[in-house]
């Protein structure tokens, strides 16, 4: 039986949880100080909900800014939604966390970058040959590896002292 631990996916899930936590705090308490967010997301994600004119204008990805004016911030387990102003025209957006490509708070020089699903799939295919999956190692394999290592030379530092 072989299995692998997908550390990249685990890290992405943890970082998306961080974004959810931050947005929940902003929903409950407002943006503190000079904090503001640049959030870039994949507009082709099937669960992204934006106006058709925005999708036409940003057919691949879009960056929104949450700073001075935003309204109706809703934070759920898998997505958040918010109303933002585009040239004096309020628009509702629903953005799943797994559609987020970057999340940046430039006021504190903090940023997260996520690989797109296509890049992750390609990396997984390439990585299969490069990395062995996580497997249990037997005591015999550990002993055999230790036997193959040369013994370390011990050097006394006394000869270098004055």
C-alpha atoms as a PDB file:
ATOM      1  CA  UNK A   1       0.000   0.000   0.000  1.00  0.00           C
ATOM      2  CA  UNK A   2       1.425   3.359  -0.964  1.00  0.00           C
ATOM      3  CA  UNK A   3      -0.009   6.760  -0.232  1.00  0.00           C
ATOM      4  CA  UNK A   4       1.262  10.282  -0.443  1.00  0.00           C
ATOM      5  CA  UNK A   5       0.822  13.450   1.552  1.00  0.00           C
ATOM      6  CA  UNK A   6      -0.093  16.375  -0.670  1.00  0.00           C
ATOM      7  CA  UNK A   7       1.623  19.134   1.310  1.00  0.00           C
ATOM      8  CA  UNK A   8       0.887  21.733  -1.362  1.00  0.00           C
ATOM      9  CA  UNK A   9      -2.838  21.093  -1.194  1.00  0.00           C
ATOM     10  CA  UNK A  10      -2.776  21.060   2.615  1.00  0.00           C
ATOM     11  CA  UNK A  11      -0.922  24.388   2.659  1.00  0.00           C
ATOM     12  CA  UNK A  12      -3.339  25.944   0.173  1.00  0.00           C
ATOM     13  CA  UNK A  13      -6.307  24.834   2.298  1.00  0.00           C
ATOM     14  CA  UNK A  14      -4.685  26.312   5.412  1.00  0.00           C
ATOM     15  CA  UNK A  15      -3.968  29.623   3.655  1.00  0.00           C
ATOM     16  CA  UNK A  16      -7.523  29.786   2.314  1.00  0.00           C
ATOM     17  CA  UNK A  17      -8.676  29.264   5.906  1.00  0.00           C
ATOM     18  CA  UNK A  18      -6.503  32.219   6.895  1.00  0.00           C
ATOM     19  CA  UNK A  19      -8.212  34.383   4.250  1.00  0.00           C
ATOM     20  CA  UNK A  20     -11.609  33.244   5.521  1.00  0.00           C
ATOM     21  CA  UNK A  21     -10.606  34.169   9.075  1.00  0.00           C
ATOM     22  CA  UNK A  22      -9.356  37.627   8.025  1.00  0.00           C
ATOM     23  CA  UNK A  23     -12.493  38.343   6.001  1.00  0.00           C
ATOM     24  CA  UNK A  24     -14.713  37.214   8.878  1.00  0.00           C
ATOM     25  CA  UNK A  25     -12.877  39.640  11.184  1.00  0.00           C
ATOM     26  CA  UNK A  26     -13.285  42.464   8.646  1.00  0.00           C
ATOM     27  CA  UNK A  27     -16.991  41.628   8.311  1.00  0.00           C
ATOM     28  CA  UNK A  28     -17.441  41.790  12.089  1.00  0.00           C
ATOM     29  CA  UNK A  29     -15.118  44.708  12.938  1.00  0.00           C
ATOM     30  CA  UNK A  30     -14.304  46.581   9.716  1.00  0.00           C
ATOM     31  CA  UNK A  31     -10.868  47.113   8.190  1.00  0.00           C
ATOM     32  CA  UNK A  32      -8.392  48.180  10.877  1.00  0.00           C
ATOM     33  CA  UNK A  33      -6.032  51.107  10.268  1.00  0.00           C
ATOM     34  CA  UNK A  34      -4.626  51.280   6.760  1.00  0.00           C
ATOM     35  CA  UNK A  35      -5.213  47.609   5.935  1.00  0.00           C
ATOM     36  CA  UNK A  36      -6.670  46.882   2.508  1.00  0.00           C
ATOM     37  CA  UNK A  37      -6.713  43.886   0.181  1.00  0.00           C
ATOM     38  CA  UNK A  38      -5.941  43.169  -3.430  1.00  0.00           C
ATOM     39  CA  UNK A  39      -7.664  39.893  -4.294  1.00  0.00           C
ATOM     40  CA  UNK A  40      -7.000  38.315  -7.679  1.00  0.00           C
ATOM     41  CA  UNK A  41      -9.262  35.469  -8.695  1.00  0.00           C
ATOM     42  CA  UNK A  42      -9.948  33.166 -11.637  1.00  0.00           C
ATOM     43  CA  UNK A  43     -13.041  34.472 -13.426  1.00  0.00           C
ATOM     44  CA  UNK A  44     -13.423  31.145 -15.274  1.00  0.00           C
ATOM     45  CA  UNK A  45     -13.979  29.210 -12.038  1.00  0.00           C
ATOM     46  CA  UNK A  46     -17.443  27.645 -12.333  1.00  0.00           C
ATOM     47  CA  UNK A  47     -18.649  28.978  -8.959  1.00  0.00           C
ATOM     48  CA  UNK A  48     -17.538  32.589  -9.448  1.00  0.00           C
ATOM     49  CA  UNK A  49     -20.559  34.874  -9.750  1.00  0.00           C
ATOM     50  CA  UNK A  50     -19.911  38.274 -11.330  1.00  0.00           C
ATOM     51  CA  UNK A  51     -21.780  40.500 -13.764  1.00  0.00           C
ATOM     52  CA  UNK A  52     -21.478  39.458 -17.399  1.00  0.00           C
ATOM     53  CA  UNK A  53     -19.886  42.783 -18.346  1.00  0.00           C
ATOM     54  CA  UNK A  54     -17.138  42.140 -15.765  1.00  0.00           C
ATOM     55  CA  UNK A  55     -16.614  38.595 -17.047  1.00  0.00           C
ATOM     56  CA  UNK A  56     -16.346  39.962 -20.610  1.00  0.00           C
ATOM     57  CA  UNK A  57     -13.860  42.615 -19.496  1.00  0.00           C
ATOM     58  CA  UNK A  58     -11.811  40.142 -17.395  1.00  0.00           C
ATOM     59  CA  UNK A  59     -12.075  36.789 -19.205  1.00  0.00           C
ATOM     60  CA  UNK A  60      -9.286  35.045 -17.267  1.00  0.00           C
ATOM     61  CA  UNK A  61      -8.610  36.742 -13.983  1.00  0.00           C
ATOM     62  CA  UNK A  62      -9.616  39.870 -12.151  1.00  0.00           C
ATOM     63  CA  UNK A  63      -8.168  41.838  -9.241  1.00  0.00           C
ATOM     64  CA  UNK A  64     -10.514  43.622  -6.855  1.00  0.00           C
ATOM     65  CA  UNK A  65      -9.615  46.031  -4.065  1.00  0.00           C
ATOM     66  CA  UNK A  66     -11.320  46.037  -0.702  1.00  0.00           C
ATOM     67  CA  UNK A  67     -10.401  49.336   0.893  1.00  0.00           C
ATOM     68  CA  UNK A  68     -12.546  52.454   1.202  1.00  0.00           C
ATOM     69  CA  UNK A  69     -15.945  51.233   0.102  1.00  0.00           C
ATOM     70  CA  UNK A  70     -17.388  47.760   0.140  1.00  0.00           C
ATOM     71  CA  UNK A  71     -20.700  46.464   1.377  1.00  0.00           C
ATOM     72  CA  UNK A  72     -22.626  43.275   2.126  1.00  0.00           C
ATOM     73  CA  UNK A  73     -19.559  41.207   2.994  1.00  0.00           C
ATOM     74  CA  UNK A  74     -20.717  37.634   3.546  1.00  0.00           C
ATOM     75  CA  UNK A  75     -18.166  35.032   4.621  1.00  0.00           C
ATOM     76  CA  UNK A  76     -19.099  31.369   4.226  1.00  0.00           C
ATOM     77  CA  UNK A  77     -17.138  28.131   4.496  1.00  0.00           C
ATOM     78  CA  UNK A  78     -16.385  27.819   0.758  1.00  0.00           C
ATOM     79  CA  UNK A  79     -16.761  31.364  -0.570  1.00  0.00           C
ATOM     80  CA  UNK A  80     -17.226  35.004   0.237  1.00  0.00           C
ATOM     81  CA  UNK A  81     -19.432  37.566  -1.427  1.00  0.00           C
ATOM     82  CA  UNK A  82     -19.165  41.314  -1.404  1.00  0.00           C
ATOM     83  CA  UNK A  83     -20.604  44.351  -3.149  1.00  0.00           C
ATOM     84  CA  UNK A  84     -17.939  46.567  -4.711  1.00  0.00           C
ATOM     85  CA  UNK A  85     -18.157  49.826  -6.612  1.00  0.00           C
ATOM     86  CA  UNK A  86     -17.104  49.891 -10.283  1.00  0.00           C
ATOM     87  CA  UNK A  87     -17.294  53.472 -11.553  1.00  0.00           C
ATOM     88  CA  UNK A  88     -20.238  54.393  -9.306  1.00  0.00           C
ATOM     89  CA  UNK A  89     -21.940  51.124 -10.224  1.00  0.00           C
ATOM     90  CA  UNK A  90     -22.260  48.671  -7.300  1.00  0.00           C
ATOM     91  CA  UNK A  91     -21.808  45.044  -8.311  1.00  0.00           C
ATOM     92  CA  UNK A  92     -22.216  41.867  -6.294  1.00  0.00           C
ATOM     93  CA  UNK A  93     -19.399  39.326  -6.527  1.00  0.00           C
ATOM     94  CA  UNK A  94     -19.281  35.788  -5.164  1.00  0.00           C
ATOM     95  CA  UNK A  95     -15.771  34.346  -5.032  1.00  0.00           C
ATOM     96  CA  UNK A  96     -14.980  30.795  -3.880  1.00  0.00           C
ATOM     97  CA  UNK A  97     -11.755  30.582  -1.891  1.00  0.00           C
ATOM     98  CA  UNK A  98     -10.355  28.037  -4.336  1.00  0.00           C
ATOM     99  CA  UNK A  99     -10.762  30.579  -7.173  1.00  0.00           C
ATOM    100  CA  UNK A 100      -8.388  33.009  -5.414  1.00  0.00           C
ATOM    101  CA  UNK A 101      -5.006  33.311  -7.127  1.00  0.00           C
ATOM    102  CA  UNK A 102      -3.457  36.004  -4.917  1.00  0.00           C
ATOM    103  CA  UNK A 103      -4.389  37.744  -1.689  1.00  0.00           C
ATOM    104  CA  UNK A 104      -2.276  40.775  -0.787  1.00  0.00           C
ATOM    105  CA  UNK A 105      -2.421  43.297   2.028  1.00  0.00           C
ATOM    106  CA  UNK A 106       0.200  45.840   0.904  1.00  0.00           C
ATOM    107  CA  UNK A 107      -0.150  47.905   4.082  1.00  0.00           C
ATOM    108  CA  UNK A 108       1.815  45.235   5.966  1.00  0.00           C
ATOM    109  CA  UNK A 109       3.635  43.687   2.979  1.00  0.00           C
ATOM    110  CA  UNK A 110       1.723  40.417   3.303  1.00  0.00           C
ATOM    111  CA  UNK A 111       0.787  38.281   0.344  1.00  0.00           C
ATOM    112  CA  UNK A 112      -0.278  34.793  -0.641  1.00  0.00           C
ATOM    113  CA  UNK A 113      -0.049  33.269  -4.095  1.00  0.00           C
ATOM    114  CA  UNK A 114      -1.918  30.135  -5.115  1.00  0.00           C
ATOM    115  CA  UNK A 115      -1.227  28.009  -8.150  1.00  0.00           C
ATOM    116  CA  UNK A 116      -4.168  27.611 -10.504  1.00  0.00           C
ATOM    117  CA  UNK A 117      -5.844  24.214 -10.750  1.00  0.00           C
ATOM    118  CA  UNK A 118      -4.353  23.619 -14.204  1.00  0.00           C
ATOM    119  CA  UNK A 119      -0.836  24.370 -12.927  1.00  0.00           C
ATOM    120  CA  UNK A 120      -1.403  22.101  -9.904  1.00  0.00           C
ATOM    121  CA  UNK A 121      -2.515  19.246 -12.163  1.00  0.00           C
ATOM    122  CA  UNK A 122       0.528  19.710 -14.399  1.00  0.00           C
ATOM    123  CA  UNK A 123       2.838  19.876 -11.374  1.00  0.00           C
ATOM    124  CA  UNK A 124       1.310  16.686  -9.973  1.00  0.00           C
ATOM    125  CA  UNK A 125       1.901  14.861 -13.266  1.00  0.00           C
ATOM    126  CA  UNK A 126       5.499  16.075 -13.447  1.00  0.00           C
ATOM    127  CA  UNK A 127       6.176  15.476  -9.774  1.00  0.00           C
ATOM    128  CA  UNK A 128       5.166  11.811  -9.826  1.00  0.00           C
ATOM    129  CA  UNK A 129       8.471  10.834 -11.375  1.00  0.00           C
ATOM    130  CA  UNK A 130      10.516  13.244  -9.269  1.00  0.00           C
ATOM    131  CA  UNK A 131       9.275  12.392  -5.788  1.00  0.00           C
ATOM    132  CA  UNK A 132       8.582   9.034  -4.243  1.00  0.00           C
ATOM    133  CA  UNK A 133       5.208   8.808  -2.521  1.00  0.00           C
ATOM    134  CA  UNK A 134       5.082   8.726   1.274  1.00  0.00           C
ATOM    135  CA  UNK A 135       5.536   5.109   2.311  1.00  0.00           C
ATOM    136  CA  UNK A 136       6.470   3.282   5.432  1.00  0.00           C
ATOM    137  CA  UNK A 137      10.158   2.348   5.646  1.00  0.00           C
ATOM    138  CA  UNK A 138      11.141  -0.904   7.276  1.00  0.00           C
ATOM    139  CA  UNK A 139      13.859  -1.255   9.910  1.00  0.00           C
ATOM    140  CA  UNK A 140      15.841  -3.419   7.466  1.00  0.00           C
ATOM    141  CA  UNK A 141      15.841  -0.624   4.850  1.00  0.00           C
ATOM    142  CA  UNK A 142      17.055   1.910   7.421  1.00  0.00           C
ATOM    143  CA  UNK A 143      19.822  -0.472   8.594  1.00  0.00           C
ATOM    144  CA  UNK A 144      20.928  -1.153   5.006  1.00  0.00           C
ATOM    145  CA  UNK A 145      21.123   2.589   4.291  1.00  0.00           C
ATOM    146  CA  UNK A 146      23.141   3.218   7.455  1.00  0.00           C
ATOM    147  CA  UNK A 147      25.563   0.387   6.534  1.00  0.00           C
ATOM    148  CA  UNK A 148      26.216   2.048   3.142  1.00  0.00           C
ATOM    149  CA  UNK A 149      27.249   5.375   4.714  1.00  0.00           C
ATOM    150  CA  UNK A 150      30.969   5.892   5.377  1.00  0.00           C
ATOM    151  CA  UNK A 151      31.941   6.367   9.002  1.00  0.00           C
ATOM    152  CA  UNK A 152      32.563   9.941  10.080  1.00  0.00           C
ATOM    153  CA  UNK A 153      36.072  11.143  10.853  1.00  0.00           C
ATOM    154  CA  UNK A 154      36.438  12.724  14.277  1.00  0.00           C
ATOM    155  CA  UNK A 155      38.832  15.671  14.316  1.00  0.00           C
ATOM    156  CA  UNK A 156      40.248  17.048  17.542  1.00  0.00           C
ATOM    157  CA  UNK A 157      40.334  20.819  17.781  1.00  0.00           C
ATOM    158  CA  UNK A 158      43.186  20.705  20.314  1.00  0.00           C
ATOM    159  CA  UNK A 159      45.790  20.882  17.551  1.00  0.00           C
ATOM    160  CA  UNK A 160      44.400  24.285  16.440  1.00  0.00           C
ATOM    161  CA  UNK A 161      44.467  25.904  19.876  1.00  0.00           C
ATOM    162  CA  UNK A 162      47.386  28.099  20.926  1.00  0.00           C
END
